[in-house]
Amino acid sequence: MLGWTLMFLVIAVIAGLLGFSGIAGAAAGIAKIIFFIFVVLLLISLVSNALRGKSPR
């Protein structure tokens, strides 16, 4: 999922450099949403592993 975020971020940067501001804004928005979903899933995973008593690796 973090790979998707980086892909959309690269698309946003390239589109912004080429002058496609609408596409750049949309790609940046998608990258932001996917990044926050990744962070939430990471936190849920860490909390659930801590409650089960497993150490993070």
PDB file of N, CA and C in Angstrom:
ATOM      1  N   MET A   1       0.828  -1.185   0.000  1.00  0.00           N
ATOM      2  CA  MET A   1       0.000   0.000   0.000  1.00  0.00           C
ATOM      3  C   MET A   1       0.877   1.255   0.000  1.00  0.00           C
ATOM      4  N   LEU A   2       1.992   1.181   0.707  1.00  0.00           N
ATOM      5  CA  LEU A   2       2.895   2.325   0.708  1.00  0.00           C
ATOM      6  C   LEU A   2       3.509   2.518  -0.677  1.00  0.00           C
ATOM      7  N   GLY A   3       3.665   1.438  -1.408  1.00  0.00           N
ATOM      8  CA  GLY A   3       4.160   1.526  -2.783  1.00  0.00           C
ATOM      9  C   GLY A   3       3.193   2.282  -3.687  1.00  0.00           C
ATOM     10  N   TRP A   4       1.892   2.061  -3.474  1.00  0.00           N
ATOM     11  CA  TRP A   4       0.886   2.790  -4.254  1.00  0.00           C
ATOM     12  C   TRP A   4       0.966   4.275  -3.964  1.00  0.00           C
ATOM     13  N   THR A   5       1.170   4.601  -2.679  1.00  0.00           N
ATOM     14  CA  THR A   5       1.275   5.998  -2.297  1.00  0.00           C
ATOM     15  C   THR A   5       2.444   6.664  -3.013  1.00  0.00           C
ATOM     16  N   LEU A   6       3.583   5.985  -3.015  1.00  0.00           N
ATOM     17  CA  LEU A   6       4.750   6.544  -3.688  1.00  0.00           C
ATOM     18  C   LEU A   6       4.520   6.671  -5.193  1.00  0.00           C
ATOM     19  N   MET A   7       3.816   5.697  -5.786  1.00  0.00           N
ATOM     20  CA  MET A   7       3.525   5.757  -7.217  1.00  0.00           C
ATOM     21  C   MET A   7       2.665   6.984  -7.544  1.00  0.00           C
ATOM     22  N   PHE A   8       1.607   7.206  -6.766  1.00  0.00           N
ATOM     23  CA  PHE A   8       0.748   8.363  -7.004  1.00  0.00           C
ATOM     24  C   PHE A   8       1.485   9.663  -6.725  1.00  0.00           C
ATOM     25  N   LEU A   9       2.398   9.657  -5.764  1.00  0.00           N
ATOM     26  CA  LEU A   9       3.181  10.850  -5.490  1.00  0.00           C
ATOM     27  C   LEU A   9       4.095  11.183  -6.665  1.00  0.00           C
ATOM     28  N   VAL A  10       4.713  10.178  -7.249  1.00  0.00           N
ATOM     29  CA  VAL A  10       5.571  10.393  -8.422  1.00  0.00           C
ATOM     30  C   VAL A  10       4.737  10.892  -9.599  1.00  0.00           C
ATOM     31  N   ILE A  11       3.557  10.313  -9.797  1.00  0.00           N
ATOM     32  CA  ILE A  11       2.668  10.767 -10.874  1.00  0.00           C
ATOM     33  C   ILE A  11       2.290  12.223 -10.657  1.00  0.00           C
ATOM     34  N   ALA A  12       2.005  12.592  -9.393  1.00  0.00           N
ATOM     35  CA  ALA A  12       1.633  13.977  -9.096  1.00  0.00           C
ATOM     36  C   ALA A  12       2.779  14.936  -9.392  1.00  0.00           C
ATOM     37  N   VAL A  13       3.982  14.552  -9.037  1.00  0.00           N
ATOM     38  CA  VAL A  13       5.134  15.429  -9.275  1.00  0.00           C
ATOM     39  C   VAL A  13       5.388  15.589 -10.768  1.00  0.00           C
ATOM     40  N   ILE A  14       5.355  14.482 -11.504  1.00  0.00           N
ATOM     41  CA  ILE A  14       5.593  14.546 -12.945  1.00  0.00           C
ATOM     42  C   ILE A  14       4.505  15.354 -13.637  1.00  0.00           C
ATOM     43  N   ALA A  15       3.249  15.126 -13.264  1.00  0.00           N
ATOM     44  CA  ALA A  15       2.149  15.877 -13.872  1.00  0.00           C
ATOM     45  C   ALA A  15       2.249  17.355 -13.530  1.00  0.00           C
ATOM     46  N   GLY A  16       2.677  17.659 -12.317  1.00  0.00           N
ATOM     47  CA  GLY A  16       2.840  19.062 -11.934  1.00  0.00           C
ATOM     48  C   GLY A  16       3.953  19.742 -12.714  1.00  0.00           C
ATOM     49  N   LEU A  17       5.041  19.020 -12.947  1.00  0.00           N
ATOM     50  CA  LEU A  17       6.140  19.585 -13.724  1.00  0.00           C
ATOM     51  C   LEU A  17       5.755  19.823 -15.183  1.00  0.00           C
ATOM     52  N   LEU A  18       4.872  18.970 -15.699  1.00  0.00           N
ATOM     53  CA  LEU A  18       4.445  19.104 -17.088  1.00  0.00           C
ATOM     54  C   LEU A  18       3.278  20.077 -17.256  1.00  0.00           C
ATOM     55  N   GLY A  19       2.754  20.590 -16.163  1.00  0.00           N
ATOM     56  CA  GLY A  19       1.704  21.593 -16.244  1.00  0.00           C
ATOM     57  C   GLY A  19       0.289  21.050 -16.169  1.00  0.00           C
ATOM     58  N   PHE A  20       0.122  19.798 -15.879  1.00  0.00           N
ATOM     59  CA  PHE A  20      -1.215  19.212 -15.744  1.00  0.00           C
ATOM     60  C   PHE A  20      -1.648  19.337 -14.290  1.00  0.00           C
ATOM     61  N   SER A  21      -2.089  20.506 -13.900  1.00  0.00           N
ATOM     62  CA  SER A  21      -2.372  20.754 -12.488  1.00  0.00           C
ATOM     63  C   SER A  21      -3.565  19.948 -11.976  1.00  0.00           C
ATOM     64  N   GLY A  22      -4.556  19.710 -12.814  1.00  0.00           N
ATOM     65  CA  GLY A  22      -5.718  18.924 -12.383  1.00  0.00           C
ATOM     66  C   GLY A  22      -5.346  17.491 -12.071  1.00  0.00           C
ATOM     67  N   ILE A  23      -4.559  16.894 -12.936  1.00  0.00           N
ATOM     68  CA  ILE A  23      -4.116  15.520 -12.725  1.00  0.00           C
ATOM     69  C   ILE A  23      -3.182  15.454 -11.529  1.00  0.00           C
ATOM     70  N   ALA A  24      -2.311  16.453 -11.392  1.00  0.00           N
ATOM     71  CA  ALA A  24      -1.369  16.473 -10.272  1.00  0.00           C
ATOM     72  C   ALA A  24      -2.117  16.579  -8.944  1.00  0.00           C
ATOM     73  N   GLY A  25      -3.130  17.408  -8.898  1.00  0.00           N
ATOM     74  CA  GLY A  25      -3.912  17.555  -7.674  1.00  0.00           C
ATOM     75  C   GLY A  25      -4.667  16.292  -7.315  1.00  0.00           C
ATOM     76  N   ALA A  26      -5.234  15.655  -8.336  1.00  0.00           N
ATOM     77  CA  ALA A  26      -5.969  14.414  -8.087  1.00  0.00           C
ATOM     78  C   ALA A  26      -5.035  13.309  -7.609  1.00  0.00           C
ATOM     79  N   ALA A  27      -3.875  13.179  -8.244  1.00  0.00           N
ATOM     80  CA  ALA A  27      -2.918  12.143  -7.849  1.00  0.00           C
ATOM     81  C   ALA A  27      -2.381  12.405  -6.446  1.00  0.00           C
ATOM     82  N   ALA A  28      -2.140  13.660  -6.118  1.00  0.00           N
ATOM     83  CA  ALA A  28      -1.673  13.992  -4.768  1.00  0.00           C
ATOM     84  C   ALA A  28      -2.748  13.698  -3.734  1.00  0.00           C
ATOM     85  N   GLY A  29      -3.994  13.972  -4.062  1.00  0.00           N
ATOM     86  CA  GLY A  29      -5.093  13.657  -3.147  1.00  0.00           C
ATOM     87  C   GLY A  29      -5.236  12.168  -2.912  1.00  0.00           C
ATOM     88  N   ILE A  30      -5.123  11.388  -3.964  1.00  0.00           N
ATOM     89  CA  ILE A  30      -5.198   9.934  -3.840  1.00  0.00           C
ATOM     90  C   ILE A  30      -4.029   9.420  -3.006  1.00  0.00           C
ATOM     91  N   ALA A  31      -2.834   9.956  -3.249  1.00  0.00           N
ATOM     92  CA  ALA A  31      -1.654   9.537  -2.478  1.00  0.00           C
ATOM     93  C   ALA A  31      -1.836   9.848  -0.996  1.00  0.00           C
ATOM     94  N   LYS A  32      -2.427  11.002  -0.697  1.00  0.00           N
ATOM     95  CA  LYS A  32      -2.645  11.379   0.697  1.00  0.00           C
ATOM     96  C   LYS A  32      -3.638  10.433   1.376  1.00  0.00           C
ATOM     97  N   ILE A  33      -4.715  10.108   0.679  1.00  0.00           N
ATOM     98  CA  ILE A  33      -5.729   9.206   1.244  1.00  0.00           C
ATOM     99  C   ILE A  33      -5.139   7.825   1.492  1.00  0.00           C
ATOM    100  N   ILE A  34      -4.409   7.287   0.522  1.00  0.00           N
ATOM    101  CA  ILE A  34      -3.819   5.959   0.678  1.00  0.00           C
ATOM    102  C   ILE A  34      -2.789   5.960   1.804  1.00  0.00           C
ATOM    103  N   PHE A  35      -2.015   7.041   1.939  1.00  0.00           N
ATOM    104  CA  PHE A  35      -1.029   7.120   3.009  1.00  0.00           C
ATOM    105  C   PHE A  35      -1.705   7.079   4.370  1.00  0.00           C
ATOM    106  N   PHE A  36      -2.793   7.835   4.546  1.00  0.00           N
ATOM    107  CA  PHE A  36      -3.469   7.836   5.837  1.00  0.00           C
ATOM    108  C   PHE A  36      -4.125   6.490   6.132  1.00  0.00           C
ATOM    109  N   ILE A  37      -4.633   5.808   5.119  1.00  0.00           N
ATOM    110  CA  ILE A  37      -5.171   4.459   5.316  1.00  0.00           C
ATOM    111  C   ILE A  37      -4.045   3.531   5.764  1.00  0.00           C
ATOM    112  N   PHE A  38      -2.864   3.659   5.156  1.00  0.00           N
ATOM    113  CA  PHE A  38      -1.715   2.853   5.543  1.00  0.00           C
ATOM    114  C   PHE A  38      -1.345   3.097   7.005  1.00  0.00           C
ATOM    115  N   VAL A  39      -1.319   4.357   7.422  1.00  0.00           N
ATOM    116  CA  VAL A  39      -0.955   4.684   8.803  1.00  0.00           C
ATOM    117  C   VAL A  39      -1.972   4.101   9.781  1.00  0.00           C
ATOM    118  N   VAL A  40      -3.255   4.202   9.466  1.00  0.00           N
ATOM    119  CA  VAL A  40      -4.297   3.662  10.344  1.00  0.00           C
ATOM    120  C   VAL A  40      -4.158   2.140  10.448  1.00  0.00           C
ATOM    121  N   LEU A  41      -3.943   1.458   9.323  1.00  0.00           N
ATOM    122  CA  LEU A  41      -3.780   0.007   9.363  1.00  0.00           C
ATOM    123  C   LEU A  41      -2.518  -0.395  10.119  1.00  0.00           C
ATOM    124  N   LEU A  42      -1.455   0.381  10.004  1.00  0.00           N
ATOM    125  CA  LEU A  42      -0.235   0.111  10.755  1.00  0.00           C
ATOM    126  C   LEU A  42      -0.489   0.222  12.250  1.00  0.00           C
ATOM    127  N   LEU A  43      -1.185   1.278  12.664  1.00  0.00           N
ATOM    128  CA  LEU A  43      -1.476   1.455  14.083  1.00  0.00           C
ATOM    129  C   LEU A  43      -2.371   0.341  14.618  1.00  0.00           C
ATOM    130  N   ILE A  44      -3.366  -0.058  13.842  1.00  0.00           N
ATOM    131  CA  ILE A  44      -4.243  -1.155  14.258  1.00  0.00           C
ATOM    132  C   ILE A  44      -3.438  -2.440  14.410  1.00  0.00           C
ATOM    133  N   SER A  45      -2.537  -2.687  13.481  1.00  0.00           N
ATOM    134  CA  SER A  45      -1.708  -3.881  13.545  1.00  0.00           C
ATOM    135  C   SER A  45      -0.796  -3.860  14.772  1.00  0.00           C
ATOM    136  N   LEU A  46      -0.172  -2.722  15.057  1.00  0.00           N
ATOM    137  CA  LEU A  46       0.707  -2.625  16.216  1.00  0.00           C
ATOM    138  C   LEU A  46      -0.052  -2.816  17.524  1.00  0.00           C
ATOM    139  N   VAL A  47      -1.230  -2.214  17.625  1.00  0.00           N
ATOM    140  CA  VAL A  47      -2.028  -2.344  18.841  1.00  0.00           C
ATOM    141  C   VAL A  47      -2.515  -3.778  19.022  1.00  0.00           C
ATOM    142  N   SER A  48      -2.966  -4.404  17.951  1.00  0.00           N
ATOM    143  CA  SER A  48      -3.463  -5.777  18.081  1.00  0.00           C
ATOM    144  C   SER A  48      -2.343  -6.741  18.440  1.00  0.00           C
ATOM    145  N   ASN A  49      -1.148  -6.523  17.889  1.00  0.00           N
ATOM    146  CA  ASN A  49      -0.023  -7.379  18.257  1.00  0.00           C
ATOM    147  C   ASN A  49       0.417  -7.135  19.696  1.00  0.00           C
ATOM    148  N   ALA A  50       0.343  -5.887  20.153  1.00  0.00           N
ATOM    149  CA  ALA A  50       0.711  -5.587  21.537  1.00  0.00           C
ATOM    150  C   ALA A  50      -0.290  -6.220  22.506  1.00  0.00           C
ATOM    151  N   LEU A  51      -1.568  -6.219  22.140  1.00  0.00           N
ATOM    152  CA  LEU A  51      -2.577  -6.818  23.024  1.00  0.00           C
ATOM    153  C   LEU A  51      -2.452  -8.337  23.073  1.00  0.00           C
ATOM    154  N   ARG A  52      -1.975  -8.938  21.984  1.00  0.00           N
ATOM    155  CA  ARG A  52      -1.779 -10.387  21.971  1.00  0.00           C
ATOM    156  C   ARG A  52      -0.476 -10.797  22.640  1.00  0.00           C
ATOM    157  N   GLY A  53       0.404  -9.850  22.884  1.00  0.00           N
ATOM    158  CA  GLY A  53       1.661 -10.151  23.557  1.00  0.00           C
ATOM    159  C   GLY A  53       2.807 -10.493  22.621  1.00  0.00           C
ATOM    160  N   LYS A  54       2.617 -10.308  21.321  1.00  0.00           N
ATOM    161  CA  LYS A  54       3.678 -10.578  20.372  1.00  0.00           C
ATOM    162  C   LYS A  54       4.551  -9.341  20.234  1.00  0.00           C
ATOM    163  N   SER A  55       5.849  -9.553  20.084  1.00  0.00           N
ATOM    164  CA  SER A  55       6.739  -8.415  19.877  1.00  0.00           C
ATOM    165  C   SER A  55       6.798  -8.066  18.392  1.00  0.00           C
ATOM    166  N   PRO A  56       6.821  -6.774  18.060  1.00  0.00           N
ATOM    167  CA  PRO A  56       6.922  -6.404  16.645  1.00  0.00           C
ATOM    168  C   PRO A  56       8.312  -6.746  16.091  1.00  0.00           C
ATOM    169  N   ARG A  57       8.347  -7.217  14.862  1.00  0.00           N
ATOM    170  CA  ARG A  57       9.620  -7.600  14.254  1.00  0.00           C
ATOM    171  C   ARG A  57      10.003  -6.644  13.187  1.00  0.00           C
TER     172      ARG A  57
END
